[in-house]
Amino acid sequence: MLAILHLLYSLTLQAGYGRADLGVVYPIARGIGPLLTIVLAVIALGERPTLLASIGALVILIGILVVTGNPLRNAGNHPLRRITWGTATGATIAAYTLWDAFAIGSLGLAPTSYYAGTLLIQVALLAPGITRRREAFAHATHVNRTPIIVVAVLPQLAYILVLTAMQTSPVALVAPLREASIVISALLARRLVGSMGRVASCGDNAAMESFFALLQKNVLNRRSWVTRDELRIAIVTWIERTYHRHRRQAVLGRLTPTEFEAIMNTPAALAA
């Protein structure tokens, strides 16, 4: 069940990033997820967190909002659609978190074996897609071997620690504490590498994450390249021909830069 919920989360997140701005989907999902978890844990699981624990959870949620900023500022002309994707992603986060709490707390499953079994099921579900793209998969693992190993190990260890915490602590407390990593990472990033924008602005990461998500979807996932030069040319071509000229932007009223320039240049030409 957890494997299906995780795949549903990944698909919802990717669909949200493809149809809405990351700066809207990300903060809403990270805020809605633990909030829904707390409410449903009290209603469905009968948890009764102490006053001190409730205050601590509230402080974490406030910290998330401070770090990610105001998502409505980036919602553009269709805020409801963008907010809906963020809320849907948050709902999937709450779903797999509550299932974790039920499996660990009520069914008494061991965190390590429970999560290992889930990962094996996910691998089995994703195997057909990997088989169809063997060349791209082999190339990606060869080029990005070290980052893949790091990402494959550290988040899984962190997840097992979260599951272990659920053995002795209510999920209404664990869920918001899990999101404390967002606040900590933002503070560390500010301290160690600085920031490319304002303090507590989700746009710092959103700009690059949104760009690389589009690059991955529109270029890297389409085919494999024999040489780095071919890939370099494909990336530059996509950036210059599509990303800069034909990408619809909320600040331009969902027009592309080319369309916007045509509209603005016509009155200027007539006036001249």
Protein backbone atom coordinates (compact mmCIF):
# COMPACT_ATOMS: atom_id res chain seq x y z
CA MET A 1 0.00 0.00 0.00
CA LEU A 2 2.80 2.43 0.89
CA ALA A 3 4.47 1.79 -2.48
CA ILE A 4 1.27 2.78 -4.30
CA LEU A 5 0.84 5.90 -2.15
CA HIS A 6 4.45 6.94 -2.81
CA LEU A 7 4.00 6.48 -6.55
CA LEU A 8 0.75 8.47 -6.37
CA TYR A 9 2.63 11.22 -4.53
CA SER A 10 5.40 11.28 -7.14
CA LEU A 11 2.96 11.37 -10.05
CA THR A 12 0.87 14.11 -8.43
CA LEU A 13 3.96 16.16 -7.65
CA GLN A 14 5.32 15.84 -11.19
CA ALA A 15 1.93 16.67 -12.69
CA GLY A 16 1.68 19.71 -10.42
CA TYR A 17 5.13 20.93 -11.42
CA GLY A 18 4.20 20.46 -15.07
CA ARG A 19 0.93 22.43 -14.80
CA ALA A 20 1.66 25.00 -12.11
CA ASP A 21 4.56 27.02 -10.74
CA LEU A 22 6.85 25.20 -8.32
CA GLY A 23 6.77 28.30 -6.10
CA VAL A 24 3.06 27.66 -5.55
CA VAL A 25 2.89 23.85 -5.45
CA TYR A 26 5.89 23.33 -3.14
CA PRO A 27 4.97 25.59 -0.19
CA ILE A 28 1.29 24.61 -0.24
CA ALA A 29 2.11 20.89 -0.34
CA ARG A 30 4.64 21.19 2.50
CA GLY A 31 2.18 23.14 4.62
CA ILE A 32 -0.98 21.16 3.83
CA GLY A 33 0.71 17.75 4.28
CA PRO A 34 1.53 17.95 7.99
CA LEU A 35 -1.58 20.01 8.74
CA LEU A 36 -3.88 17.35 7.24
CA THR A 37 -1.89 14.65 9.00
CA ILE A 38 -2.43 16.30 12.39
CA VAL A 39 -6.17 16.76 11.85
CA LEU A 40 -6.76 13.23 10.53
CA ALA A 41 -4.55 11.67 13.22
CA VAL A 42 -6.75 13.24 15.88
CA ILE A 43 -10.00 12.28 14.11
CA ALA A 44 -9.19 8.86 12.62
CA LEU A 45 -6.44 7.50 14.89
CA GLY A 46 -7.71 9.04 18.11
CA GLU A 47 -4.41 10.69 18.96
CA ARG A 48 -4.36 13.38 21.63
CA PRO A 49 -1.05 15.26 21.47
CA THR A 50 -0.09 17.26 24.56
CA LEU A 51 -0.29 21.03 24.62
CA LEU A 52 3.50 21.35 24.46
CA ALA A 53 3.67 18.98 21.47
CA SER A 54 0.88 20.89 19.73
CA ILE A 55 2.71 24.19 20.25
CA GLY A 56 5.92 22.68 18.89
CA ALA A 57 4.11 21.37 15.80
CA LEU A 58 2.55 24.78 15.25
CA VAL A 59 5.95 26.47 15.48
CA ILE A 60 7.32 24.10 12.82
CA LEU A 61 4.39 24.85 10.50
CA ILE A 62 4.92 28.58 10.97
CA GLY A 63 8.62 28.09 10.21
CA ILE A 64 7.73 26.30 6.95
CA LEU A 65 5.48 29.19 5.92
CA VAL A 66 8.21 31.71 6.75
CA VAL A 67 10.85 29.82 4.76
CA THR A 68 8.71 29.07 1.70
CA GLY A 69 7.06 32.48 1.58
CA ASN A 70 3.59 33.43 0.40
CA PRO A 71 2.53 30.97 -2.36
CA LEU A 72 -0.41 33.15 -3.45
CA ARG A 73 2.05 35.80 -4.58
CA ASN A 74 3.18 33.42 -7.36
CA ALA A 75 -0.25 32.04 -8.26
CA GLY A 76 -0.66 34.13 -11.43
CA ASN A 77 -3.95 34.47 -13.29
CA HIS A 78 -5.33 31.04 -12.36
CA PRO A 79 -4.61 30.69 -8.63
CA LEU A 80 -7.27 28.05 -8.00
CA ARG A 81 -5.73 25.54 -10.41
CA ARG A 82 -2.26 26.01 -8.96
CA ILE A 83 -3.48 25.86 -5.37
CA THR A 84 -5.44 22.69 -6.21
CA TRP A 85 -2.29 20.90 -7.36
CA GLY A 86 -0.45 21.97 -4.22
CA THR A 87 -3.33 20.78 -2.04
CA ALA A 88 -3.54 17.45 -3.91
CA THR A 89 0.18 16.89 -3.38
CA GLY A 90 -0.18 17.72 0.31
CA ALA A 91 -3.06 15.26 0.57
CA THR A 92 -0.87 12.45 -0.80
CA ILE A 93 1.82 13.35 1.74
CA ALA A 94 -0.77 13.08 4.52
CA ALA A 95 -2.03 9.77 3.09
CA TYR A 96 1.31 7.95 3.11
CA THR A 97 2.24 9.47 6.49
CA LEU A 98 -0.98 8.20 8.10
CA TRP A 99 -0.53 4.79 6.50
CA ASP A 100 2.99 4.66 7.93
CA ALA A 101 1.60 5.45 11.39
CA PHE A 102 -1.04 2.71 11.05
CA ALA A 103 1.45 0.11 9.78
CA ILE A 104 4.06 0.86 12.45
CA GLY A 105 1.82 1.70 15.40
CA SER A 106 -1.25 -0.52 14.92
CA LEU A 107 0.09 -3.44 12.88
CA GLY A 108 3.41 -3.47 14.72
CA LEU A 109 5.58 -3.81 11.62
CA ALA A 110 9.34 -3.30 11.97
CA PRO A 111 10.42 -0.01 10.33
CA THR A 112 13.40 -1.40 8.38
CA SER A 113 11.74 -4.49 6.91
CA TYR A 114 8.51 -2.59 6.27
CA TYR A 115 10.24 0.13 4.28
CA ALA A 116 12.59 -2.30 2.52
CA GLY A 117 9.60 -4.28 1.30
CA THR A 118 7.99 -1.07 0.08
CA LEU A 119 11.10 -0.14 -1.91
CA LEU A 120 11.18 -3.59 -3.54
CA ILE A 121 7.56 -3.19 -4.63
CA GLN A 122 8.31 0.26 -6.06
CA VAL A 123 11.26 -1.15 -8.00
CA ALA A 124 9.00 -3.89 -9.41
CA LEU A 125 6.37 -1.33 -10.45
CA LEU A 126 8.93 0.95 -12.09
CA ALA A 127 10.96 -1.83 -13.75
CA PRO A 128 8.93 -1.93 -17.01
CA GLY A 129 9.54 1.78 -17.58
CA ILE A 130 13.25 1.40 -16.87
CA THR A 131 13.45 -1.56 -19.26
CA ARG A 132 11.94 0.49 -22.07
CA ARG A 133 14.59 3.18 -21.54
CA ARG A 134 17.63 1.06 -20.84
CA GLU A 135 20.08 3.27 -22.70
CA ALA A 136 18.97 6.49 -20.99
CA PHE A 137 18.99 4.71 -17.61
CA ALA A 138 22.51 3.34 -18.15
CA HIS A 139 23.77 6.74 -19.30
CA ALA A 140 22.22 8.56 -16.33
CA THR A 141 23.63 6.11 -13.79
CA HIS A 142 27.09 6.33 -15.37
CA VAL A 143 27.20 10.13 -15.50
CA ASN A 144 25.55 10.78 -12.11
CA ARG A 145 26.85 7.81 -10.15
CA THR A 146 27.84 9.66 -6.97
CA PRO A 147 24.69 11.83 -6.62
CA ILE A 148 22.52 8.77 -7.28
CA ILE A 149 24.26 6.81 -4.52
CA VAL A 150 23.89 9.69 -2.06
CA VAL A 151 20.21 10.19 -2.88
CA ALA A 152 19.60 6.44 -2.80
CA VAL A 153 21.05 6.06 0.70
CA LEU A 154 20.55 9.17 2.83
CA PRO A 155 16.81 9.84 2.28
CA GLN A 156 16.04 6.17 2.92
CA LEU A 157 17.93 6.27 6.22
CA ALA A 158 16.04 9.42 7.16
CA TYR A 159 12.73 7.75 6.32
CA ILE A 160 13.58 4.76 8.53
CA LEU A 161 14.37 7.17 11.38
CA VAL A 162 10.94 8.77 10.91
CA LEU A 163 9.27 5.34 11.00
CA THR A 164 11.24 4.48 14.14
CA ALA A 165 10.03 7.68 15.78
CA MET A 166 6.44 6.64 15.02
CA GLN A 167 6.89 3.60 17.26
CA THR A 168 7.02 5.79 20.36
CA SER A 169 5.59 9.18 19.31
CA PRO A 170 2.23 10.24 17.87
CA VAL A 171 2.19 10.91 14.14
CA ALA A 172 0.56 14.28 14.86
CA LEU A 173 3.93 15.28 16.33
CA VAL A 174 6.25 13.35 13.98
CA ALA A 175 4.68 14.74 10.77
CA PRO A 176 5.47 18.42 11.40
CA LEU A 177 8.86 17.58 12.93
CA ARG A 178 9.77 15.74 9.71
CA GLU A 179 9.22 18.99 7.80
CA ALA A 180 11.66 20.77 10.11
CA SER A 181 14.33 19.71 7.62
CA ILE A 182 13.01 22.42 5.29
CA VAL A 183 13.66 25.11 7.89
CA ILE A 184 17.06 23.67 8.86
CA SER A 185 18.23 23.30 5.25
CA ALA A 186 17.13 26.86 4.45
CA LEU A 187 19.07 28.22 7.42
CA LEU A 188 22.16 26.17 6.52
CA ALA A 189 21.96 27.26 2.89
CA ARG A 190 21.72 30.86 3.96
CA ARG A 191 24.67 30.45 6.32
CA LEU A 192 26.97 28.37 4.10
CA VAL A 193 26.24 29.33 0.49
CA GLY A 194 24.19 32.50 0.76
CA SER A 195 21.00 33.24 -1.13
CA MET A 196 20.22 34.43 -4.64
CA GLY A 197 17.15 36.37 -3.47
CA ARG A 198 15.35 37.65 -0.41
CA VAL A 199 15.54 36.00 3.00
CA ALA A 200 12.85 33.31 3.45
CA SER A 201 11.93 33.26 -0.24
CA CYS A 202 10.92 29.97 -1.82
CA GLY A 203 11.88 31.55 -5.14
CA ASP A 204 15.54 30.94 -4.29
CA ASN A 205 15.22 27.24 -5.05
CA ALA A 206 12.01 27.34 -7.08
CA ALA A 207 13.58 29.15 -10.02
CA MET A 208 16.32 26.57 -10.58
CA GLU A 209 14.21 23.55 -9.65
CA SER A 210 11.49 24.63 -12.08
CA PHE A 211 14.04 25.18 -14.85
CA PHE A 212 15.76 21.83 -14.37
CA ALA A 213 12.41 20.03 -14.14
CA LEU A 214 11.46 21.43 -17.55
CA LEU A 215 14.91 20.61 -18.94
CA GLN A 216 14.61 17.03 -17.70
CA LYS A 217 11.12 16.62 -19.14
CA ASN A 218 11.64 18.29 -22.52
CA VAL A 219 15.24 17.35 -23.34
CA LEU A 220 16.94 14.78 -21.11
CA ASN A 221 14.02 12.32 -20.96
CA ARG A 222 13.35 12.37 -24.72
CA ARG A 223 16.34 10.36 -25.93
CA SER A 224 19.97 9.47 -25.21
CA TRP A 225 23.05 11.10 -26.75
CA VAL A 226 26.27 9.49 -27.86
CA THR A 227 28.55 12.41 -26.97
CA ARG A 228 28.51 15.31 -24.56
CA ASP A 229 28.71 17.74 -27.48
CA GLU A 230 25.43 16.45 -28.92
CA LEU A 231 23.75 16.85 -25.53
CA ARG A 232 25.24 20.33 -25.09
CA ILE A 233 23.87 21.42 -28.47
CA ALA A 234 20.42 19.98 -27.65
CA ILE A 235 20.30 21.83 -24.32
CA VAL A 236 21.41 25.16 -25.81
CA THR A 237 18.96 24.79 -28.69
CA TRP A 238 16.06 24.10 -26.33
CA ILE A 239 16.97 27.04 -24.11
CA GLU A 240 17.34 29.52 -26.97
CA ARG A 241 14.48 28.35 -29.19
CA THR A 242 11.87 27.20 -26.68
CA TYR A 243 12.59 28.18 -23.09
CA HIS A 244 13.45 31.83 -23.74
CA ARG A 245 10.97 32.48 -26.56
CA HIS A 246 7.98 30.16 -26.33
CA ARG A 247 7.50 29.47 -22.60
CA ARG A 248 4.28 30.97 -21.27
CA GLN A 249 4.83 33.22 -18.27
CA ALA A 250 2.35 34.27 -15.59
CA VAL A 251 3.77 37.80 -15.37
CA LEU A 252 3.03 38.27 -19.08
CA GLY A 253 -0.58 37.13 -18.76
CA ARG A 254 0.25 33.56 -19.82
CA LEU A 255 1.73 34.87 -23.08
CA THR A 256 5.06 33.78 -24.48
CA PRO A 257 7.80 36.43 -24.76
CA THR A 258 7.44 36.26 -28.56
CA GLU A 259 3.68 36.91 -28.36
CA PHE A 260 4.14 39.67 -25.82
CA GLU A 261 6.77 41.43 -27.95
CA ALA A 262 4.51 41.22 -31.01
CA ILE A 263 1.67 42.88 -29.09
CA MET A 264 3.89 45.60 -27.65
CA ASN A 265 5.78 46.28 -30.87
CA THR A 266 2.68 46.78 -33.03
CA PRO A 267 1.48 49.98 -31.27
CA ALA A 268 5.05 51.29 -31.28
CA ALA A 269 5.36 50.71 -35.03
CA LEU A 270 2.04 52.45 -35.70
CA ALA A 271 3.03 55.41 -33.56
CA ALA A 272 6.30 55.77 -35.44
